[in-house]
Full PDB file with SEQRES, HELIX, SHEET, SSBOND, CRYST1, ORIGX, SCALE, CONECT and MASTER records, all heavy atoms in Angstrom:
SEQRES   1 A   31  HIS LEU PRO GLY GLY VAL PRO LEU HIS TRP MET LYS ASP          
SEQRES   2 A   31  TRP GLY THR PRO PHE PRO LEU SER VAL ALA SER ALA LYS          
SEQRES   3 A   31  GLY ALA GLU VAL THR                                          
HELIX    1 AA1 PRO A    3  GLY A    5  5                                   3    
HELIX    2 AA2 HIS A    9  LYS A   12  5                                   4    
CRYST1    1.000    1.000    1.000  90.00  90.00  90.00 P 1           1          
ORIGX1      1.000000  0.000000  0.000000        0.00000                         
ORIGX2      0.000000  1.000000  0.000000        0.00000                         
ORIGX3      0.000000  0.000000  1.000000        0.00000                         
SCALE1      1.000000  0.000000  0.000000        0.00000                         
SCALE2      0.000000  1.000000  0.000000        0.00000                         
SCALE3      0.000000  0.000000  1.000000        0.00000                         
ATOM      1  N   HIS A   1       0.792  -1.224   0.000  1.00  0.00           N  
ATOM      2  CA  HIS A   1       0.000   0.000   0.000  1.00  0.00           C  
ATOM      3  C   HIS A   1       0.829   1.282   0.000  1.00  0.00           C  
ATOM      4  O   HIS A   1       0.272   2.361  -0.191  1.00  0.00           O  
ATOM      5  CB  HIS A   1      -0.945   0.017   1.211  1.00  0.00           C  
ATOM      6  CG  HIS A   1      -1.900  -1.131   1.245  1.00  0.00           C  
ATOM      7  ND1 HIS A   1      -2.921  -1.286   0.328  1.00  0.00           N  
ATOM      8  CD2 HIS A   1      -1.971  -2.207   2.067  1.00  0.00           C  
ATOM      9  CE1 HIS A   1      -3.601  -2.389   0.587  1.00  0.00           C  
ATOM     10  NE2 HIS A   1      -3.028  -2.971   1.636  1.00  0.00           N  
ATOM     11  N   LEU A   2       2.143   1.158   0.203  1.00  0.00           N  
ATOM     12  CA  LEU A   2       3.031   2.316   0.153  1.00  0.00           C  
ATOM     13  C   LEU A   2       3.956   2.158  -1.041  1.00  0.00           C  
ATOM     14  O   LEU A   2       4.763   1.221  -1.079  1.00  0.00           O  
ATOM     15  CB  LEU A   2       3.864   2.425   1.442  1.00  0.00           C  
ATOM     16  CG  LEU A   2       3.090   2.488   2.770  1.00  0.00           C  
ATOM     17  CD1 LEU A   2       4.073   2.529   3.943  1.00  0.00           C  
ATOM     18  CD2 LEU A   2       2.175   3.696   2.805  1.00  0.00           C  
ATOM     19  N   PRO A   3       3.868   3.017  -2.044  1.00  0.00           N  
ATOM     20  CA  PRO A   3       4.731   2.877  -3.223  1.00  0.00           C  
ATOM     21  C   PRO A   3       6.204   2.796  -2.837  1.00  0.00           C  
ATOM     22  O   PRO A   3       6.711   3.648  -2.097  1.00  0.00           O  
ATOM     23  CB  PRO A   3       4.438   4.151  -4.029  1.00  0.00           C  
ATOM     24  CG  PRO A   3       3.048   4.524  -3.632  1.00  0.00           C  
ATOM     25  CD  PRO A   3       2.937   4.158  -2.176  1.00  0.00           C  
ATOM     26  N   GLY A   4       6.873   1.740  -3.301  1.00  0.00           N  
ATOM     27  CA  GLY A   4       8.277   1.539  -2.973  1.00  0.00           C  
ATOM     28  C   GLY A   4       8.507   1.087  -1.549  1.00  0.00           C  
ATOM     29  O   GLY A   4       9.651   0.968  -1.106  1.00  0.00           O  
ATOM     30  N   GLY A   5       7.421   0.863  -0.811  1.00  0.00           N  
ATOM     31  CA  GLY A   5       7.540   0.419   0.569  1.00  0.00           C  
ATOM     32  C   GLY A   5       7.882   1.520   1.555  1.00  0.00           C  
ATOM     33  O   GLY A   5       8.306   1.238   2.683  1.00  0.00           O  
ATOM     34  N   VAL A   6       7.667   2.775   1.165  1.00  0.00           N  
ATOM     35  CA  VAL A   6       8.016   3.906   2.036  1.00  0.00           C  
ATOM     36  C   VAL A   6       6.848   4.895   2.122  1.00  0.00           C  
ATOM     37  O   VAL A   6       6.075   5.050   1.183  1.00  0.00           O  
ATOM     38  CB  VAL A   6       9.275   4.642   1.512  1.00  0.00           C  
ATOM     39  CG1 VAL A   6      10.502   3.754   1.612  1.00  0.00           C  
ATOM     40  CG2 VAL A   6       9.079   5.118   0.073  1.00  0.00           C  
ATOM     41  N   PRO A   7       6.727   5.617   3.250  1.00  0.00           N  
ATOM     42  CA  PRO A   7       5.660   6.610   3.378  1.00  0.00           C  
ATOM     43  C   PRO A   7       5.947   7.938   2.690  1.00  0.00           C  
ATOM     44  O   PRO A   7       5.054   8.772   2.561  1.00  0.00           O  
ATOM     45  CB  PRO A   7       5.547   6.799   4.899  1.00  0.00           C  
ATOM     46  CG  PRO A   7       6.879   6.432   5.435  1.00  0.00           C  
ATOM     47  CD  PRO A   7       7.411   5.364   4.525  1.00  0.00           C  
ATOM     48  N   LEU A   8       7.169   8.148   2.265  1.00  0.00           N  
ATOM     49  CA  LEU A   8       7.554   9.343   1.512  1.00  0.00           C  
ATOM     50  C   LEU A   8       8.577   8.921   0.469  1.00  0.00           C  
ATOM     51  O   LEU A   8       9.546   8.233   0.806  1.00  0.00           O  
ATOM     52  CB  LEU A   8       8.163  10.402   2.441  1.00  0.00           C  
ATOM     53  CG  LEU A   8       8.743  11.655   1.764  1.00  0.00           C  
ATOM     54  CD1 LEU A   8       7.636  12.482   1.125  1.00  0.00           C  
ATOM     55  CD2 LEU A   8       9.532  12.504   2.761  1.00  0.00           C  
ATOM     56  N   HIS A   9       8.382   9.341  -0.791  1.00  0.00           N  
ATOM     57  CA  HIS A   9       9.206   8.795  -1.880  1.00  0.00           C  
ATOM     58  C   HIS A   9      10.691   9.078  -1.708  1.00  0.00           C  
ATOM     59  O   HIS A   9      11.534   8.324  -2.180  1.00  0.00           O  
ATOM     60  CB  HIS A   9       8.714   9.312  -3.242  1.00  0.00           C  
ATOM     61  CG  HIS A   9       8.987  10.770  -3.490  1.00  0.00           C  
ATOM     62  ND1 HIS A   9       8.148  11.769  -3.049  1.00  0.00           N  
ATOM     63  CD2 HIS A   9      10.003  11.393  -4.127  1.00  0.00           C  
ATOM     64  CE1 HIS A   9       8.633  12.945  -3.409  1.00  0.00           C  
ATOM     65  NE2 HIS A   9       9.748  12.752  -4.062  1.00  0.00           N  
ATOM     66  N   TRP A  10      11.066  10.165  -1.002  1.00  0.00           N  
ATOM     67  CA  TRP A  10      12.483  10.452  -0.776  1.00  0.00           C  
ATOM     68  C   TRP A  10      13.174   9.344   0.000  1.00  0.00           C  
ATOM     69  O   TRP A  10      14.395   9.202  -0.067  1.00  0.00           O  
ATOM     70  CB  TRP A  10      12.642  11.761  -0.013  1.00  0.00           C  
ATOM     71  CG  TRP A  10      12.511  12.985  -0.841  1.00  0.00           C  
ATOM     72  CD1 TRP A  10      12.254  13.053  -2.190  1.00  0.00           C  
ATOM     73  CD2 TRP A  10      12.639  14.336  -0.393  1.00  0.00           C  
ATOM     74  NE1 TRP A  10      12.200  14.351  -2.603  1.00  0.00           N  
ATOM     75  CE2 TRP A  10      12.433  15.165  -1.518  1.00  0.00           C  
ATOM     76  CE3 TRP A  10      12.885  14.911   0.837  1.00  0.00           C  
ATOM     77  CZ2 TRP A  10      12.472  16.551  -1.439  1.00  0.00           C  
ATOM     78  CZ3 TRP A  10      12.935  16.297   0.917  1.00  0.00           C  
ATOM     79  CH2 TRP A  10      12.732  17.098  -0.211  1.00  0.00           C  
ATOM     80  N   MET A  11      12.414   8.579   0.759  1.00  0.00           N  
ATOM     81  CA  MET A  11      13.020   7.520   1.561  1.00  0.00           C  
ATOM     82  C   MET A  11      13.573   6.382   0.708  1.00  0.00           C  
ATOM     83  O   MET A  11      14.221   5.478   1.235  1.00  0.00           O  
ATOM     84  CB  MET A  11      12.006   6.984   2.576  1.00  0.00           C  
ATOM     85  CG  MET A  11      11.616   7.991   3.630  1.00  0.00           C  
ATOM     86  SD  MET A  11      10.417   7.296   4.803  1.00  0.00           S  
ATOM     87  CE  MET A  11      10.142   8.706   5.886  1.00  0.00           C  
ATOM     88  N   LYS A  12      13.343   6.443  -0.595  1.00  0.00           N  
ATOM     89  CA  LYS A  12      13.930   5.459  -1.515  1.00  0.00           C  
ATOM     90  C   LYS A  12      15.298   5.904  -2.023  1.00  0.00           C  
ATOM     91  O   LYS A  12      15.956   5.152  -2.752  1.00  0.00           O  
ATOM     92  CB  LYS A  12      13.009   5.227  -2.720  1.00  0.00           C  
ATOM     93  CG  LYS A  12      11.652   4.644  -2.381  1.00  0.00           C  
ATOM     94  CD  LYS A  12      10.855   4.317  -3.629  1.00  0.00           C  
ATOM     95  CE  LYS A  12      10.539   5.566  -4.427  1.00  0.00           C  
ATOM     96  NZ  LYS A  12       9.699   5.279  -5.627  1.00  0.00           N  
ATOM     97  N   ASP A  13      15.722   7.095  -1.660  1.00  0.00           N  
ATOM     98  CA  ASP A  13      16.921   7.683  -2.259  1.00  0.00           C  
ATOM     99  C   ASP A  13      18.231   7.296  -1.574  1.00  0.00           C  
ATOM    100  O   ASP A  13      19.248   7.942  -1.784  1.00  0.00           O  
ATOM    101  CB  ASP A  13      16.793   9.219  -2.268  1.00  0.00           C  
ATOM    102  CG  ASP A  13      15.780   9.713  -3.276  1.00  0.00           C  
ATOM    103  OD1 ASP A  13      15.280   8.884  -4.054  1.00  0.00           O  
ATOM    104  OD2 ASP A  13      15.481  10.923  -3.278  1.00  0.00           O  
ATOM    105  N   TRP A  14      18.210   6.242  -0.780  1.00  0.00           N  
ATOM    106  CA  TRP A  14      19.438   5.814  -0.115  1.00  0.00           C  
ATOM    107  C   TRP A  14      20.324   4.964  -1.017  1.00  0.00           C  
ATOM    108  O   TRP A  14      21.448   4.634  -0.653  1.00  0.00           O  
ATOM    109  CB  TRP A  14      19.105   5.012   1.150  1.00  0.00           C  
ATOM    110  CG  TRP A  14      18.530   5.864   2.228  1.00  0.00           C  
ATOM    111  CD1 TRP A  14      17.213   6.175   2.426  1.00  0.00           C  
ATOM    112  CD2 TRP A  14      19.253   6.548   3.256  1.00  0.00           C  
ATOM    113  NE1 TRP A  14      17.077   7.007   3.514  1.00  0.00           N  
ATOM    114  CE2 TRP A  14      18.314   7.249   4.047  1.00  0.00           C  
ATOM    115  CE3 TRP A  14      20.603   6.624   3.593  1.00  0.00           C  
ATOM    116  CZ2 TRP A  14      18.691   8.021   5.147  1.00  0.00           C  
ATOM    117  CZ3 TRP A  14      20.964   7.393   4.688  1.00  0.00           C  
ATOM    118  CH2 TRP A  14      20.022   8.076   5.450  1.00  0.00           C  
ATOM    119  N   GLY A  15      19.830   4.584  -2.180  1.00  0.00           N  
ATOM    120  CA  GLY A  15      20.638   3.767  -3.088  1.00  0.00           C  
ATOM    121  C   GLY A  15      20.763   2.329  -2.648  1.00  0.00           C  
ATOM    122  O   GLY A  15      21.667   1.606  -3.095  1.00  0.00           O  
ATOM    123  N   THR A  16      19.867   1.877  -1.771  1.00  0.00           N  
ATOM    124  CA  THR A  16      19.880   0.499  -1.290  1.00  0.00           C  
ATOM    125  C   THR A  16      18.926  -0.359  -2.121  1.00  0.00           C  
ATOM    126  O   THR A  16      17.977   0.168  -2.715  1.00  0.00           O  
ATOM    127  CB  THR A  16      19.450   0.445   0.186  1.00  0.00           C  
ATOM    128  OG1 THR A  16      18.175   1.099   0.340  1.00  0.00           O  
ATOM    129  CG2 THR A  16      20.468   1.144   1.064  1.00  0.00           C  
ATOM    130  N   PRO A  17      19.130  -1.669  -2.164  1.00  0.00           N  
ATOM    131  CA  PRO A  17      18.232  -2.524  -2.952  1.00  0.00           C  
ATOM    132  C   PRO A  17      16.781  -2.467  -2.474  1.00  0.00           C  
ATOM    133  O   PRO A  17      15.858  -2.673  -3.256  1.00  0.00           O  
ATOM    134  CB  PRO A  17      18.822  -3.927  -2.746  1.00  0.00           C  
ATOM    135  CG  PRO A  17      20.264  -3.682  -2.422  1.00  0.00           C  
ATOM    136  CD  PRO A  17      20.274  -2.419  -1.637  1.00  0.00           C  
ATOM    137  N   PHE A  18      16.579  -2.203  -1.193  1.00  0.00           N  
ATOM    138  CA  PHE A  18      15.251  -2.011  -0.611  1.00  0.00           C  
ATOM    139  C   PHE A  18      15.435  -1.118   0.608  1.00  0.00           C  
ATOM    140  O   PHE A  18      16.553  -0.967   1.120  1.00  0.00           O  
ATOM    141  CB  PHE A  18      14.613  -3.355  -0.217  1.00  0.00           C  
ATOM    142  CG  PHE A  18      15.530  -4.293   0.509  1.00  0.00           C  
ATOM    143  CD1 PHE A  18      15.752  -4.178   1.880  1.00  0.00           C  
ATOM    144  CD2 PHE A  18      16.213  -5.293  -0.184  1.00  0.00           C  
ATOM    145  CE1 PHE A  18      16.619  -5.027   2.543  1.00  0.00           C  
ATOM    146  CE2 PHE A  18      17.089  -6.154   0.478  1.00  0.00           C  
ATOM    147  CZ  PHE A  18      17.287  -6.021   1.843  1.00  0.00           C  
ATOM    148  N   PRO A  19      14.374  -0.482   1.088  1.00  0.00           N  
ATOM    149  CA  PRO A  19      14.527   0.443   2.216  1.00  0.00           C  
ATOM    150  C   PRO A  19      14.992  -0.265   3.484  1.00  0.00           C  
ATOM    151  O   PRO A  19      14.590  -1.394   3.764  1.00  0.00           O  
ATOM    152  CB  PRO A  19      13.111   1.013   2.403  1.00  0.00           C  
ATOM    153  CG  PRO A  19      12.436   0.803   1.097  1.00  0.00           C  
ATOM    154  CD  PRO A  19      13.006  -0.462   0.533  1.00  0.00           C  
ATOM    155  N   LEU A  20      15.825   0.427   4.247  1.00  0.00           N  
ATOM    156  CA  LEU A  20      16.258  -0.053   5.545  1.00  0.00           C  
ATOM    157  C   LEU A  20      15.249   0.453   6.581  1.00  0.00           C  
ATOM    158  O   LEU A  20      15.008   1.653   6.673  1.00  0.00           O  
ATOM    159  CB  LEU A  20      17.652   0.474   5.867  1.00  0.00           C  
ATOM    160  CG  LEU A  20      18.363  -0.121   7.079  1.00  0.00           C  
ATOM    161  CD1 LEU A  20      18.795  -1.563   6.782  1.00  0.00           C  
ATOM    162  CD2 LEU A  20      19.581   0.729   7.448  1.00  0.00           C  
ATOM    163  N   SER A  21      14.654  -0.452   7.343  1.00  0.00           N  
ATOM    164  CA  SER A  21      13.651  -0.065   8.333  1.00  0.00           C  
ATOM    165  C   SER A  21      14.309   0.200   9.686  1.00  0.00           C  
ATOM    166  O   SER A  21      15.187  -0.551  10.118  1.00  0.00           O  
ATOM    167  CB  SER A  21      12.596  -1.164   8.487  1.00  0.00           C  
ATOM    168  OG  SER A  21      11.802  -1.250   7.321  1.00  0.00           O  
ATOM    169  N   VAL A  22      13.851   1.252  10.351  1.00  0.00           N  
ATOM    170  CA  VAL A  22      14.387   1.643  11.651  1.00  0.00           C  
ATOM    171  C   VAL A  22      13.531   1.035  12.755  1.00  0.00           C  
ATOM    172  O   VAL A  22      12.305   1.198  12.765  1.00  0.00           O  
ATOM    173  CB  VAL A  22      14.411   3.174  11.793  1.00  0.00           C  
ATOM    174  CG1 VAL A  22      14.858   3.584  13.191  1.00  0.00           C  
ATOM    175  CG2 VAL A  22      15.320   3.793  10.739  1.00  0.00           C  
ATOM    176  N   ALA A  23      14.177   0.356  13.684  1.00  0.00           N  
ATOM    177  CA  ALA A  23      13.480  -0.172  14.859  1.00  0.00           C  
ATOM    178  C   ALA A  23      13.467   0.850  15.982  1.00  0.00           C  
ATOM    179  O   ALA A  23      12.472   0.990  16.701  1.00  0.00           O  
ATOM    180  CB  ALA A  23      14.138  -1.467  15.334  1.00  0.00           C  
ATOM    181  N   SER A  24      14.572   1.583  16.134  1.00  0.00           N  
ATOM    182  CA  SER A  24      14.647   2.618  17.166  1.00  0.00           C  
ATOM    183  C   SER A  24      15.795   3.561  16.839  1.00  0.00           C  
ATOM    184  O   SER A  24      16.705   3.218  16.085  1.00  0.00           O  
ATOM    185  CB  SER A  24      14.850   1.998  18.556  1.00  0.00           C  
ATOM    186  OG  SER A  24      16.103   1.347  18.635  1.00  0.00           O  
ATOM    187  N   ALA A  25      15.730   4.747  17.434  1.00  0.00           N  
ATOM    188  CA  ALA A  25      16.803   5.731  17.273  1.00  0.00           C  
ATOM    189  C   ALA A  25      16.951   6.492  18.575  1.00  0.00           C  
ATOM    190  O   ALA A  25      15.955   6.957  19.146  1.00  0.00           O  
ATOM    191  CB  ALA A  25      16.489   6.689  16.124  1.00  0.00           C  
ATOM    192  N   LYS A  26      18.172   6.616  19.041  1.00  0.00           N  
ATOM    193  CA  LYS A  26      18.430   7.312  20.293  1.00  0.00           C  
ATOM    194  C   LYS A  26      19.805   7.950  20.224  1.00  0.00           C  
ATOM    195  O   LYS A  26      20.781   7.300  19.825  1.00  0.00           O  
ATOM    196  CB  LYS A  26      18.367   6.330  21.471  1.00  0.00           C  
ATOM    197  CG  LYS A  26      18.594   6.984  22.818  1.00  0.00           C  
ATOM    198  CD  LYS A  26      17.496   7.997  23.161  1.00  0.00           C  
ATOM    199  CE  LYS A  26      17.713   8.622  24.533  1.00  0.00           C  
ATOM    200  NZ  LYS A  26      16.744   9.708  24.799  1.00  0.00           N  
ATOM    201  N   GLY A  27      19.880   9.203  20.622  1.00  0.00           N  
ATOM    202  CA  GLY A  27      21.154   9.901  20.607  1.00  0.00           C  
ATOM    203  C   GLY A  27      21.708   9.998  19.199  1.00  0.00           C  
ATOM    204  O   GLY A  27      21.064  10.531  18.302  1.00  0.00           O  
ATOM    205  N   ALA A  28      22.908   9.478  18.991  1.00  0.00           N  
ATOM    206  CA  ALA A  28      23.553   9.523  17.673  1.00  0.00           C  
ATOM    207  C   ALA A  28      23.592   8.146  17.028  1.00  0.00           C  
ATOM    208  O   ALA A  28      24.443   7.887  16.176  1.00  0.00           O  
ATOM    209  CB  ALA A  28      24.961  10.080  17.793  1.00  0.00           C  
ATOM    210  N   GLU A  29      22.652   7.275  17.414  1.00  0.00           N  
ATOM    211  CA  GLU A  29      22.636   5.915  16.867  1.00  0.00           C  
ATOM    212  C   GLU A  29      21.234   5.514  16.423  1.00  0.00           C  
ATOM    213  O   GLU A  29      20.240   5.919  17.027  1.00  0.00           O  
ATOM    214  CB  GLU A  29      23.155   4.913  17.899  1.00  0.00           C  
ATOM    215  CG  GLU A  29      24.620   5.117  18.242  1.00  0.00           C  
ATOM    216  CD  GLU A  29      25.148   4.117  19.257  1.00  0.00           C  
ATOM    217  OE1 GLU A  29      24.326   3.517  19.996  1.00  0.00           O  
ATOM    218  OE2 GLU A  29      26.382   3.942  19.323  1.00  0.00           O  
ATOM    219  N   VAL A  30      21.206   4.716  15.367  1.00  0.00           N  
ATOM    220  CA  VAL A  30      19.969   4.137  14.848  1.00  0.00           C  
ATOM    221  C   VAL A  30      20.114   2.625  14.870  1.00  0.00           C  
ATOM    222  O   VAL A  30      21.144   2.088  14.446  1.00  0.00           O  
ATOM    223  CB  VAL A  30      19.703   4.612  13.399  1.00  0.00           C  
ATOM    224  CG1 VAL A  30      18.591   3.792  12.739  1.00  0.00           C  
ATOM    225  CG2 VAL A  30      19.344   6.091  13.379  1.00  0.00           C  
ATOM    226  N   THR A  31      19.109   1.939  15.367  1.00  0.00           N  
ATOM    227  CA  THR A  31      19.088   0.479  15.327  1.00  0.00           C  
ATOM    228  C   THR A  31      18.086   0.048  14.269  1.00  0.00           C  
ATOM    229  O   THR A  31      16.922   0.452  14.315  1.00  0.00           O  
ATOM    230  CB  THR A  31      18.684  -0.117  16.687  1.00  0.00           C  
ATOM    231  OG1 THR A  31      19.603   0.333  17.682  1.00  0.00           O  
ATOM    232  CG2 THR A  31      18.704  -1.643  16.640  1.00  0.00           C  
TER     233      THR A  31                                                      
MASTER        0    0    0    2    0    0    0    6  232    1    0    3          
END                                                                             
């Protein structure tokens, strides 16, 4: 239901084969 699997098309611009999903983010780190 989300084109490209993302809620905003810019989120496809990482150059990855598919989007990387974030489980959590805190401080200067993303898991």
